[in-house]
PDB file of N, CA and C in Angstrom:
ATOM      1  N   MET A   1     -31.108   5.052  36.310  1.00  0.00           N
ATOM      2  CA  MET A   1     -30.557   4.123  35.345  1.00  0.00           C
ATOM      3  C   MET A   1     -29.239   3.557  35.866  1.00  0.00           C
ATOM      4  N   SER A   2     -29.094   2.267  35.705  1.00  0.00           N
ATOM      5  CA  SER A   2     -27.859   1.639  36.172  1.00  0.00           C
ATOM      6  C   SER A   2     -26.776   1.735  35.093  1.00  0.00           C
ATOM      7  N   ASP A   3     -25.567   1.441  35.522  1.00  0.00           N
ATOM      8  CA  ASP A   3     -24.449   1.488  34.573  1.00  0.00           C
ATOM      9  C   ASP A   3     -24.623   0.495  33.436  1.00  0.00           C
ATOM     10  N   SER A   4     -25.163  -0.673  33.727  1.00  0.00           N
ATOM     11  CA  SER A   4     -25.334  -1.684  32.681  1.00  0.00           C
ATOM     12  C   SER A   4     -26.402  -1.258  31.676  1.00  0.00           C
ATOM     13  N   GLU A   5     -27.443  -0.565  32.129  1.00  0.00           N
ATOM     14  CA  GLU A   5     -28.467  -0.071  31.197  1.00  0.00           C
ATOM     15  C   GLU A   5     -27.893   1.000  30.286  1.00  0.00           C
ATOM     16  N   ILE A   6     -27.097   1.900  30.851  1.00  0.00           N
ATOM     17  CA  ILE A   6     -26.462   2.957  30.062  1.00  0.00           C
ATOM     18  C   ILE A   6     -25.510   2.339  29.042  1.00  0.00           C
ATOM     19  N   ALA A   7     -24.733   1.351  29.476  1.00  0.00           N
ATOM     20  CA  ALA A   7     -23.801   0.679  28.567  1.00  0.00           C
ATOM     21  C   ALA A   7     -24.562  -0.029  27.449  1.00  0.00           C
ATOM     22  N   SER A   8     -25.677  -0.658  27.774  1.00  0.00           N
ATOM     23  CA  SER A   8     -26.477  -1.359  26.770  1.00  0.00           C
ATOM     24  C   SER A   8     -27.036  -0.377  25.736  1.00  0.00           C
ATOM     25  N   ILE A   9     -27.536   0.766  26.199  1.00  0.00           N
ATOM     26  CA  ILE A   9     -28.054   1.794  25.282  1.00  0.00           C
ATOM     27  C   ILE A   9     -26.935   2.290  24.374  1.00  0.00           C
ATOM     28  N   PHE A  10     -25.782   2.543  24.965  1.00  0.00           N
ATOM     29  CA  PHE A  10     -24.631   3.034  24.207  1.00  0.00           C
ATOM     30  C   PHE A  10     -24.207   2.022  23.146  1.00  0.00           C
ATOM     31  N   ILE A  11     -24.146   0.764  23.512  1.00  0.00           N
ATOM     32  CA  ILE A  11     -23.738  -0.296  22.577  1.00  0.00           C
ATOM     33  C   ILE A  11     -24.749  -0.407  21.434  1.00  0.00           C
ATOM     34  N   ASN A  12     -26.042  -0.370  21.772  1.00  0.00           N
ATOM     35  CA  ASN A  12     -27.076  -0.470  20.732  1.00  0.00           C
ATOM     36  C   ASN A  12     -27.002   0.709  19.764  1.00  0.00           C
ATOM     37  N   GLU A  13     -26.813   1.923  20.281  1.00  0.00           N
ATOM     38  CA  GLU A  13     -26.691   3.088  19.411  1.00  0.00           C
ATOM     39  C   GLU A  13     -25.457   2.974  18.517  1.00  0.00           C
ATOM     40  N   SER A  14     -24.368   2.477  19.071  1.00  0.00           N
ATOM     41  CA  SER A  14     -23.136   2.311  18.291  1.00  0.00           C
ATOM     42  C   SER A  14     -23.333   1.304  17.178  1.00  0.00           C
ATOM     43  N   GLU A  15     -24.036   0.216  17.455  1.00  0.00           N
ATOM     44  CA  GLU A  15     -24.283  -0.795  16.426  1.00  0.00           C
ATOM     45  C   GLU A  15     -25.144  -0.239  15.299  1.00  0.00           C
ATOM     46  N   VAL A  16     -26.175   0.541  15.650  1.00  0.00           N
ATOM     47  CA  VAL A  16     -27.041   1.140  14.634  1.00  0.00           C
ATOM     48  C   VAL A  16     -26.239   2.113  13.768  1.00  0.00           C
ATOM     49  N   GLU A  17     -25.422   2.959  14.407  1.00  0.00           N
ATOM     50  CA  GLU A  17     -24.610   3.906  13.649  1.00  0.00           C
ATOM     51  C   GLU A  17     -23.588   3.188  12.773  1.00  0.00           C
ATOM     52  N   GLY A  18     -23.033   2.078  13.266  1.00  0.00           N
ATOM     53  CA  GLY A  18     -22.100   1.288  12.471  1.00  0.00           C
ATOM     54  C   GLY A  18     -22.775   0.699  11.240  1.00  0.00           C
ATOM     55  N   GLN A  19     -24.005   0.221  11.402  1.00  0.00           N
ATOM     56  CA  GLN A  19     -24.751  -0.321  10.266  1.00  0.00           C
ATOM     57  C   GLN A  19     -25.060   0.770   9.246  1.00  0.00           C
ATOM     58  N   GLU A  20     -25.416   1.954   9.730  1.00  0.00           N
ATOM     59  CA  GLU A  20     -25.686   3.072   8.820  1.00  0.00           C
ATOM     60  C   GLU A  20     -24.420   3.467   8.056  1.00  0.00           C
ATOM     61  N   ALA A  21     -23.292   3.471   8.743  1.00  0.00           N
ATOM     62  CA  ALA A  21     -22.024   3.813   8.092  1.00  0.00           C
ATOM     63  C   ALA A  21     -21.668   2.773   7.033  1.00  0.00           C
ATOM     64  N   ARG A  22     -21.844   1.489   7.344  1.00  0.00           N
ATOM     65  CA  ARG A  22     -21.559   0.436   6.366  1.00  0.00           C
ATOM     66  C   ARG A  22     -22.465   0.568   5.142  1.00  0.00           C
ATOM     67  N   LYS A  23     -23.756   0.878   5.365  1.00  0.00           N
ATOM     68  CA  LYS A  23     -24.682   1.057   4.252  1.00  0.00           C
ATOM     69  C   LYS A  23     -24.266   2.244   3.401  1.00  0.00           C
ATOM     70  N   PHE A  24     -23.857   3.334   4.040  1.00  0.00           N
ATOM     71  CA  PHE A  24     -23.410   4.514   3.301  1.00  0.00           C
ATOM     72  C   PHE A  24     -22.199   4.168   2.438  1.00  0.00           C
ATOM     73  N   LEU A  25     -21.221   3.467   3.017  1.00  0.00           N
ATOM     74  CA  LEU A  25     -20.024   3.105   2.253  1.00  0.00           C
ATOM     75  C   LEU A  25     -20.353   2.146   1.114  1.00  0.00           C
ATOM     76  N   GLU A  26     -21.286   1.250   1.348  1.00  0.00           N
ATOM     77  CA  GLU A  26     -21.707   0.335   0.280  1.00  0.00           C
ATOM     78  C   GLU A  26     -22.374   1.113  -0.852  1.00  0.00           C
ATOM     79  N   ASP A  27     -23.192   2.113  -0.498  1.00  0.00           N
ATOM     80  CA  ASP A  27     -23.828   2.953  -1.513  1.00  0.00           C
ATOM     81  C   ASP A  27     -22.785   3.740  -2.304  1.00  0.00           C
ATOM     82  N   VAL A  28     -21.784   4.265  -1.606  1.00  0.00           N
ATOM     83  CA  VAL A  28     -20.719   5.005  -2.286  1.00  0.00           C
ATOM     84  C   VAL A  28     -19.957   4.072  -3.220  1.00  0.00           C
ATOM     85  N   ARG A  29     -19.670   2.862  -2.744  1.00  0.00           N
ATOM     86  CA  ARG A  29     -18.942   1.897  -3.575  1.00  0.00           C
ATOM     87  C   ARG A  29     -19.716   1.573  -4.837  1.00  0.00           C
ATOM     88  N   ALA A  30     -21.014   1.389  -4.708  1.00  0.00           N
ATOM     89  CA  ALA A  30     -21.825   1.031  -5.866  1.00  0.00           C
ATOM     90  C   ALA A  30     -22.030   2.215  -6.808  1.00  0.00           C
ATOM     91  N   THR A  31     -22.222   3.394  -6.244  1.00  0.00           N
ATOM     92  CA  THR A  31     -22.545   4.564  -7.062  1.00  0.00           C
ATOM     93  C   THR A  31     -21.312   5.256  -7.617  1.00  0.00           C
ATOM     94  N   PHE A  32     -20.278   5.366  -6.812  1.00  0.00           N
ATOM     95  CA  PHE A  32     -19.072   6.109  -7.190  1.00  0.00           C
ATOM     96  C   PHE A  32     -17.823   5.263  -6.966  1.00  0.00           C
ATOM     97  N   PRO A  33     -17.596   4.220  -7.763  1.00  0.00           N
ATOM     98  CA  PRO A  33     -16.416   3.376  -7.537  1.00  0.00           C
ATOM     99  C   PRO A  33     -15.104   4.147  -7.686  1.00  0.00           C
ATOM    100  N   GLU A  34     -15.101   5.213  -8.493  1.00  0.00           N
ATOM    101  CA  GLU A  34     -13.872   6.000  -8.678  1.00  0.00           C
ATOM    102  C   GLU A  34     -13.475   6.687  -7.376  1.00  0.00           C
ATOM    103  N   VAL A  35     -14.480   7.182  -6.653  1.00  0.00           N
ATOM    104  CA  VAL A  35     -14.208   7.863  -5.387  1.00  0.00           C
ATOM    105  C   VAL A  35     -13.647   6.869  -4.379  1.00  0.00           C
ATOM    106  N   LEU A  36     -14.233   5.694  -4.325  1.00  0.00           N
ATOM    107  CA  LEU A  36     -13.746   4.668  -3.405  1.00  0.00           C
ATOM    108  C   LEU A  36     -12.306   4.299  -3.730  1.00  0.00           C
ATOM    109  N   HIS A  37     -11.992   4.194  -5.018  1.00  0.00           N
ATOM    110  CA  HIS A  37     -10.626   3.878  -5.434  1.00  0.00           C
ATOM    111  C   HIS A  37      -9.647   4.941  -4.943  1.00  0.00           C
ATOM    112  N   VAL A  38     -10.031   6.211  -5.070  1.00  0.00           N
ATOM    113  CA  VAL A  38      -9.161   7.305  -4.628  1.00  0.00           C
ATOM    114  C   VAL A  38      -8.981   7.263  -3.111  1.00  0.00           C
ATOM    115  N   VAL A  39     -10.058   7.017  -2.393  1.00  0.00           N
ATOM    116  CA  VAL A  39      -9.975   6.960  -0.936  1.00  0.00           C
ATOM    117  C   VAL A  39      -9.063   5.813  -0.505  1.00  0.00           C
ATOM    118  N   LYS A  40      -9.235   4.659  -1.113  1.00  0.00           N
ATOM    119  CA  LYS A  40      -8.377   3.515  -0.768  1.00  0.00           C
ATOM    120  C   LYS A  40      -6.922   3.794  -1.121  1.00  0.00           C
ATOM    121  N   THR A  41      -6.690   4.426  -2.259  1.00  0.00           N
ATOM    122  CA  THR A  41      -5.322   4.778  -2.653  1.00  0.00           C
ATOM    123  C   THR A  41      -4.700   5.712  -1.629  1.00  0.00           C
ATOM    124  N   ARG A  42      -5.454   6.696  -1.181  1.00  0.00           N
ATOM    125  CA  ARG A  42      -4.957   7.631  -0.163  1.00  0.00           C
ATOM    126  C   ARG A  42      -4.629   6.894   1.131  1.00  0.00           C
ATOM    127  N   GLN A  43      -5.513   5.996   1.541  1.00  0.00           N
ATOM    128  CA  GLN A  43      -5.291   5.251   2.778  1.00  0.00           C
ATOM    129  C   GLN A  43      -4.032   4.396   2.697  1.00  0.00           C
ATOM    130  N   VAL A  44      -3.869   3.704   1.578  1.00  0.00           N
ATOM    131  CA  VAL A  44      -2.697   2.843   1.415  1.00  0.00           C
ATOM    132  C   VAL A  44      -1.420   3.672   1.374  1.00  0.00           C
ATOM    133  N   THR A  45      -1.442   4.770   0.627  1.00  0.00           N
ATOM    134  CA  THR A  45      -0.261   5.625   0.530  1.00  0.00           C
ATOM    135  C   THR A  45       0.122   6.168   1.892  1.00  0.00           C
ATOM    136  N   TYR A  46      -0.852   6.646   2.629  1.00  0.00           N
ATOM    137  CA  TYR A  46      -0.588   7.187   3.960  1.00  0.00           C
ATOM    138  C   TYR A  46      -0.030   6.092   4.876  1.00  0.00           C
ATOM    139  N   SER A  47      -0.628   4.907   4.825  1.00  0.00           N
ATOM    140  CA  SER A  47      -0.156   3.794   5.664  1.00  0.00           C
ATOM    141  C   SER A  47       1.278   3.406   5.334  1.00  0.00           C
ATOM    142  N   VAL A  48       1.605   3.359   4.045  1.00  0.00           N
ATOM    143  CA  VAL A  48       2.966   2.996   3.635  1.00  0.00           C
ATOM    144  C   VAL A  48       3.970   4.032   4.136  1.00  0.00           C
ATOM    145  N   LEU A  49       3.636   5.303   3.977  1.00  0.00           N
ATOM    146  CA  LEU A  49       4.553   6.355   4.439  1.00  0.00           C
ATOM    147  C   LEU A  49       4.705   6.327   5.962  1.00  0.00           C
ATOM    148  N   GLN A  50       3.625   6.100   6.681  1.00  0.00           N
ATOM    149  CA  GLN A  50       3.712   5.994   8.143  1.00  0.00           C
ATOM    150  C   GLN A  50       4.554   4.785   8.540  1.00  0.00           C
ATOM    151  N   HIS A  51       4.380   3.676   7.824  1.00  0.00           N
ATOM    152  CA  HIS A  51       5.172   2.481   8.109  1.00  0.00           C
ATOM    153  C   HIS A  51       6.664   2.755   7.873  1.00  0.00           C
ATOM    154  N   LEU A  52       6.964   3.501   6.809  1.00  0.00           N
ATOM    155  CA  LEU A  52       8.361   3.848   6.545  1.00  0.00           C
ATOM    156  C   LEU A  52       8.959   4.678   7.678  1.00  0.00           C
ATOM    157  N   ILE A  53       8.194   5.613   8.201  1.00  0.00           N
ATOM    158  CA  ILE A  53       8.673   6.420   9.335  1.00  0.00           C
ATOM    159  C   ILE A  53       8.970   5.516  10.527  1.00  0.00           C
ATOM    160  N   ASP A  54       8.052   4.602  10.836  1.00  0.00           N
ATOM    161  CA  ASP A  54       8.256   3.679  11.956  1.00  0.00           C
ATOM    162  C   ASP A  54       9.469   2.786  11.719  1.00  0.00           C
ATOM    163  N   TYR A  55       9.638   2.328  10.488  1.00  0.00           N
ATOM    164  CA  TYR A  55      10.761   1.442  10.157  1.00  0.00           C
ATOM    165  C   TYR A  55      12.097   2.162  10.299  1.00  0.00           C
ATOM    166  N   VAL A  56      12.151   3.404   9.850  1.00  0.00           N
ATOM    167  CA  VAL A  56      13.383   4.188   9.981  1.00  0.00           C
ATOM    168  C   VAL A  56      13.715   4.370  11.458  1.00  0.00           C
ATOM    169  N   GLN A  57      12.719   4.656  12.275  1.00  0.00           N
ATOM    170  CA  GLN A  57      12.954   4.808  13.715  1.00  0.00           C
ATOM    171  C   GLN A  57      13.417   3.494  14.335  1.00  0.00           C
ATOM    172  N   TYR A  58      12.845   2.382  13.882  1.00  0.00           N
ATOM    173  CA  TYR A  58      13.252   1.069  14.378  1.00  0.00           C
ATOM    174  C   TYR A  58      14.707   0.788  14.019  1.00  0.00           C
ATOM    175  N   LEU A  59      15.094   1.074  12.771  1.00  0.00           N
ATOM    176  CA  LEU A  59      16.479   0.844  12.351  1.00  0.00           C
ATOM    177  C   LEU A  59      17.460   1.678  13.177  1.00  0.00           C
ATOM    178  N   GLU A  60      17.059   2.885  13.509  1.00  0.00           N
ATOM    179  CA  GLU A  60      17.918   3.728  14.350  1.00  0.00           C
ATOM    180  C   GLU A  60      17.984   3.154  15.759  1.00  0.00           C
ATOM    181  N   LYS A  61      16.869   2.661  16.256  1.00  0.00           N
ATOM    182  CA  LYS A  61      16.799   2.119  17.611  1.00  0.00           C
ATOM    183  C   LYS A  61      17.695   0.897  17.780  1.00  0.00           C
ATOM    184  N   ILE A  62      17.723   0.024  16.770  1.00  0.00           N
ATOM    185  CA  ILE A  62      18.541  -1.192  16.893  1.00  0.00           C
ATOM    186  C   ILE A  62      19.991  -0.957  16.480  1.00  0.00           C
ATOM    187  N   GLY A  63      20.298   0.266  16.041  1.00  0.00           N
ATOM    188  CA  GLY A  63      21.676   0.619  15.767  1.00  0.00           C
ATOM    189  C   GLY A  63      22.140   0.458  14.332  1.00  0.00           C
ATOM    190  N   LEU A  64      21.243   0.198  13.401  1.00  0.00           N
ATOM    191  CA  LEU A  64      21.645   0.053  12.011  1.00  0.00           C
ATOM    192  C   LEU A  64      21.763   1.396  11.296  1.00  0.00           C
ATOM    193  N   LEU A  65      21.182   2.436  11.876  1.00  0.00           N
ATOM    194  CA  LEU A  65      21.283   3.780  11.309  1.00  0.00           C
ATOM    195  C   LEU A  65      21.828   4.729  12.361  1.00  0.00           C
ATOM    196  N   GLU A  66      22.643   5.639  11.898  1.00  0.00           N
ATOM    197  CA  GLU A  66      23.101   6.694  12.793  1.00  0.00           C
ATOM    198  C   GLU A  66      22.024   7.774  12.839  1.00  0.00           C
ATOM    199  N   LYS A  67      22.112   8.640  13.840  1.00  0.00           N
ATOM    200  CA  LYS A  67      21.123   9.721  13.982  1.00  0.00           C
ATOM    201  C   LYS A  67      21.034  10.561  12.720  1.00  0.00           C
ATOM    202  N   LYS A  68      22.193  10.892  12.143  1.00  0.00           N
ATOM    203  CA  LYS A  68      22.214  11.742  10.952  1.00  0.00           C
ATOM    204  C   LYS A  68      21.452  11.080   9.800  1.00  0.00           C
ATOM    205  N   GLU A  69      21.705   9.776   9.593  1.00  0.00           N
ATOM    206  CA  GLU A  69      21.013   9.042   8.536  1.00  0.00           C
ATOM    207  C   GLU A  69      19.509   8.958   8.820  1.00  0.00           C
ATOM    208  N   MET A  70      19.183   8.721  10.084  1.00  0.00           N
ATOM    209  CA  MET A  70      17.784   8.615  10.469  1.00  0.00           C
ATOM    210  C   MET A  70      17.055   9.924  10.206  1.00  0.00           C
ATOM    211  N   PHE A  71      17.665  11.043  10.566  1.00  0.00           N
ATOM    212  CA  PHE A  71      17.029  12.341  10.327  1.00  0.00           C
ATOM    213  C   PHE A  71      16.856  12.600   8.834  1.00  0.00           C
ATOM    214  N   HIS A  72      17.870  12.240   8.045  1.00  0.00           N
ATOM    215  CA  HIS A  72      17.791  12.443   6.600  1.00  0.00           C
ATOM    216  C   HIS A  72      16.643  11.624   6.004  1.00  0.00           C
ATOM    217  N   LEU A  73      16.556  10.341   6.357  1.00  0.00           N
ATOM    218  CA  LEU A  73      15.489   9.485   5.836  1.00  0.00           C
ATOM    219  C   LEU A  73      14.116   9.928   6.349  1.00  0.00           C
ATOM    220  N   HIS A  74      14.062  10.309   7.616  1.00  0.00           N
ATOM    221  CA  HIS A  74      12.808  10.776   8.193  1.00  0.00           C
ATOM    222  C   HIS A  74      12.325  12.035   7.463  1.00  0.00           C
ATOM    223  N   ASP A  75      13.240  12.954   7.190  1.00  0.00           N
ATOM    224  CA  ASP A  75      12.879  14.174   6.457  1.00  0.00           C
ATOM    225  C   ASP A  75      12.388  13.851   5.046  1.00  0.00           C
ATOM    226  N   ALA A  76      13.046  12.889   4.388  1.00  0.00           N
ATOM    227  CA  ALA A  76      12.631  12.508   3.031  1.00  0.00           C
ATOM    228  C   ALA A  76      11.213  11.938   3.044  1.00  0.00           C
ATOM    229  N   VAL A  77      10.914  11.081   4.001  1.00  0.00           N
ATOM    230  CA  VAL A  77       9.576  10.498   4.082  1.00  0.00           C
ATOM    231  C   VAL A  77       8.550  11.576   4.440  1.00  0.00           C
ATOM    232  N   GLN A  78       8.910  12.474   5.360  1.00  0.00           N
ATOM    233  CA  GLN A  78       7.995  13.554   5.733  1.00  0.00           C
ATOM    234  C   GLN A  78       7.702  14.459   4.536  1.00  0.00           C
ATOM    235  N   THR A  79       8.713  14.708   3.704  1.00  0.00           N
ATOM    236  CA  THR A  79       8.522  15.518   2.506  1.00  0.00           C
ATOM    237  C   THR A  79       7.524  14.848   1.570  1.00  0.00           C
ATOM    238  N   GLU A  80       7.673  13.547   1.369  1.00  0.00           N
ATOM    239  CA  GLU A  80       6.736  12.808   0.518  1.00  0.00           C
ATOM    240  C   GLU A  80       5.329  12.815   1.114  1.00  0.00           C
ATOM    241  N   LEU A  81       5.238  12.706   2.423  1.00  0.00           N
ATOM    242  CA  LEU A  81       3.944  12.736   3.083  1.00  0.00           C
ATOM    243  C   LEU A  81       3.273  14.096   2.904  1.00  0.00           C
ATOM    244  N   ARG A  82       4.028  15.167   3.032  1.00  0.00           N
ATOM    245  CA  ARG A  82       3.466  16.504   2.823  1.00  0.00           C
ATOM    246  C   ARG A  82       3.023  16.690   1.371  1.00  0.00           C
ATOM    247  N   LYS A  83       3.828  16.201   0.418  1.00  0.00           N
ATOM    248  CA  LYS A  83       3.440  16.282  -1.000  1.00  0.00           C
ATOM    249  C   LYS A  83       2.132  15.534  -1.225  1.00  0.00           C
ATOM    250  N   PHE A  84       2.044  14.375  -0.646  1.00  0.00           N
ATOM    251  CA  PHE A  84       0.850  13.554  -0.799  1.00  0.00           C
ATOM    252  C   PHE A  84      -0.379  14.263  -0.231  1.00  0.00           C
ATOM    253  N   LEU A  85      -0.239  14.866   0.943  1.00  0.00           N
ATOM    254  CA  LEU A  85      -1.372  15.534   1.566  1.00  0.00           C
ATOM    255  C   LEU A  85      -1.792  16.792   0.806  1.00  0.00           C
ATOM    256  N   ARG A  86      -0.820  17.477   0.184  1.00  0.00           N
ATOM    257  CA  ARG A  86      -1.137  18.685  -0.590  1.00  0.00           C
ATOM    258  C   ARG A  86      -1.734  18.359  -1.952  1.00  0.00           C
ATOM    259  N   ASN A  87      -1.311  17.262  -2.558  1.00  0.00           N
ATOM    260  CA  ASN A  87      -1.744  16.902  -3.913  1.00  0.00           C
ATOM    261  C   ASN A  87      -2.328  15.494  -3.907  1.00  0.00           C
ATOM    262  N   PRO A  88      -3.567  15.359  -3.478  1.00  0.00           N
ATOM    263  CA  PRO A  88      -4.155  14.015  -3.438  1.00  0.00           C
ATOM    264  C   PRO A  88      -4.351  13.453  -4.836  1.00  0.00           C
ATOM    265  N   PRO A  89      -4.454  12.126  -4.944  1.00  0.00           N
ATOM    266  CA  PRO A  89      -4.695  11.504  -6.251  1.00  0.00           C
ATOM    267  C   PRO A  89      -6.002  12.012  -6.856  1.00  0.00           C
ATOM    268  N   LEU A  90      -6.026  12.102  -8.157  1.00  0.00           N
ATOM    269  CA  LEU A  90      -7.208  12.579  -8.857  1.00  0.00           C
ATOM    270  C   LEU A  90      -8.123  11.417  -9.207  1.00  0.00           C
ATOM    271  N   VAL A  91      -9.399  11.714  -9.280  1.00  0.00           N
ATOM    272  CA  VAL A  91     -10.376  10.704  -9.701  1.00  0.00           C
ATOM    273  C   VAL A  91     -10.359  10.652 -11.214  1.00  0.00           C
ATOM    274  N   LYS A  92     -10.103   9.475 -11.764  1.00  0.00           N
ATOM    275  CA  LYS A  92     -10.128   9.287 -13.214  1.00  0.00           C
ATOM    276  C   LYS A  92     -11.411   8.560 -13.576  1.00  0.00           C
ATOM    277  N   ILE A  93     -12.282   9.271 -14.241  1.00  0.00           N
ATOM    278  CA  ILE A  93     -13.551   8.673 -14.649  1.00  0.00           C
ATOM    279  C   ILE A  93     -13.342   8.032 -16.021  1.00  0.00           C
ATOM    280  N   PRO A  94     -13.629   6.728 -16.112  1.00  0.00           N
ATOM    281  CA  PRO A  94     -13.416   6.050 -17.396  1.00  0.00           C
ATOM    282  C   PRO A  94     -14.394   6.536 -18.456  1.00  0.00           C
ATOM    283  N   LYS A  95     -13.966   6.426 -19.701  1.00  0.00           N
ATOM    284  CA  LYS A  95     -14.824   6.795 -20.823  1.00  0.00           C
ATOM    285  C   LYS A  95     -15.900   5.725 -20.994  1.00  0.00           C
ATOM    286  N   ILE A  96     -17.054   6.136 -21.468  1.00  0.00           N
ATOM    287  CA  ILE A  96     -18.159   5.206 -21.659  1.00  0.00           C
ATOM    288  C   ILE A  96     -17.782   4.120 -22.660  1.00  0.00           C
ATOM    289  N   SER A  97     -17.066   4.497 -23.714  1.00  0.00           N
ATOM    290  CA  SER A  97     -16.670   3.500 -24.718  1.00  0.00           C
ATOM    291  C   SER A  97     -15.747   2.444 -24.112  1.00  0.00           C
ATOM    292  N   ASP A  98     -14.864   2.862 -23.202  1.00  0.00           N
ATOM    293  CA  ASP A  98     -13.978   1.894 -22.542  1.00  0.00           C
ATOM    294  C   ASP A  98     -14.779   0.941 -21.656  1.00  0.00           C
ATOM    295  N   LEU A  99     -15.773   1.491 -20.956  1.00  0.00           N
ATOM    296  CA  LEU A  99     -16.610   0.638 -20.098  1.00  0.00           C
ATOM    297  C   LEU A  99     -17.379  -0.375 -20.938  1.00  0.00           C
ATOM    298  N   ILE A 100     -17.912   0.056 -22.057  1.00  0.00           N
ATOM    299  CA  ILE A 100     -18.676  -0.854 -22.911  1.00  0.00           C
ATOM    300  C   ILE A 100     -17.769  -1.923 -23.494  1.00  0.00           C
ATOM    301  N   THR A 101     -16.553  -1.542 -23.869  1.00  0.00           N
ATOM    302  CA  THR A 101     -15.618  -2.514 -24.413  1.00  0.00           C
ATOM    303  C   THR A 101     -15.184  -3.523 -23.356  1.00  0.00           C
ATOM    304  N   THR A 102     -14.973  -3.044 -22.143  1.00  0.00           N
ATOM    305  CA  THR A 102     -14.544  -3.922 -21.057  1.00  0.00           C
ATOM    306  C   THR A 102     -15.667  -4.836 -20.595  1.00  0.00           C
ATOM    307  N   HIS A 103     -16.875  -4.285 -20.514  1.00  0.00           N
ATOM    308  CA  HIS A 103     -18.033  -5.039 -20.012  1.00  0.00           C
ATOM    309  C   HIS A 103     -19.136  -5.046 -21.063  1.00  0.00           C
ATOM    310  N   PRO A 104     -19.006  -5.918 -22.081  1.00  0.00           N
ATOM    311  CA  PRO A 104     -20.019  -5.917 -23.172  1.00  0.00           C
ATOM    312  C   PRO A 104     -21.390  -6.358 -22.708  1.00  0.00           C
TER     313      PRO A 104
END
């Protein structure tokens, strides 16, 4: 087998697995929208906290923060990140009466 044949097989398998993953996520979205909401909330929260860490490091790099301030802010963000990882958001399942009222 040549390198191009191996690469073609690999690419085709990756595309099939990607389609299966998209179908699975679509099924989860349709069946369990509350779970998807929690997952998205976790992703956004994690991204925001990571961005804050990068921003604090950037401010220190350009000289707007001293090392002491940078360490203090970095520790505060890390503390929030640890809290978030230990206590993930809860899934809130709406009441049937609320769903009927919202979507008659």
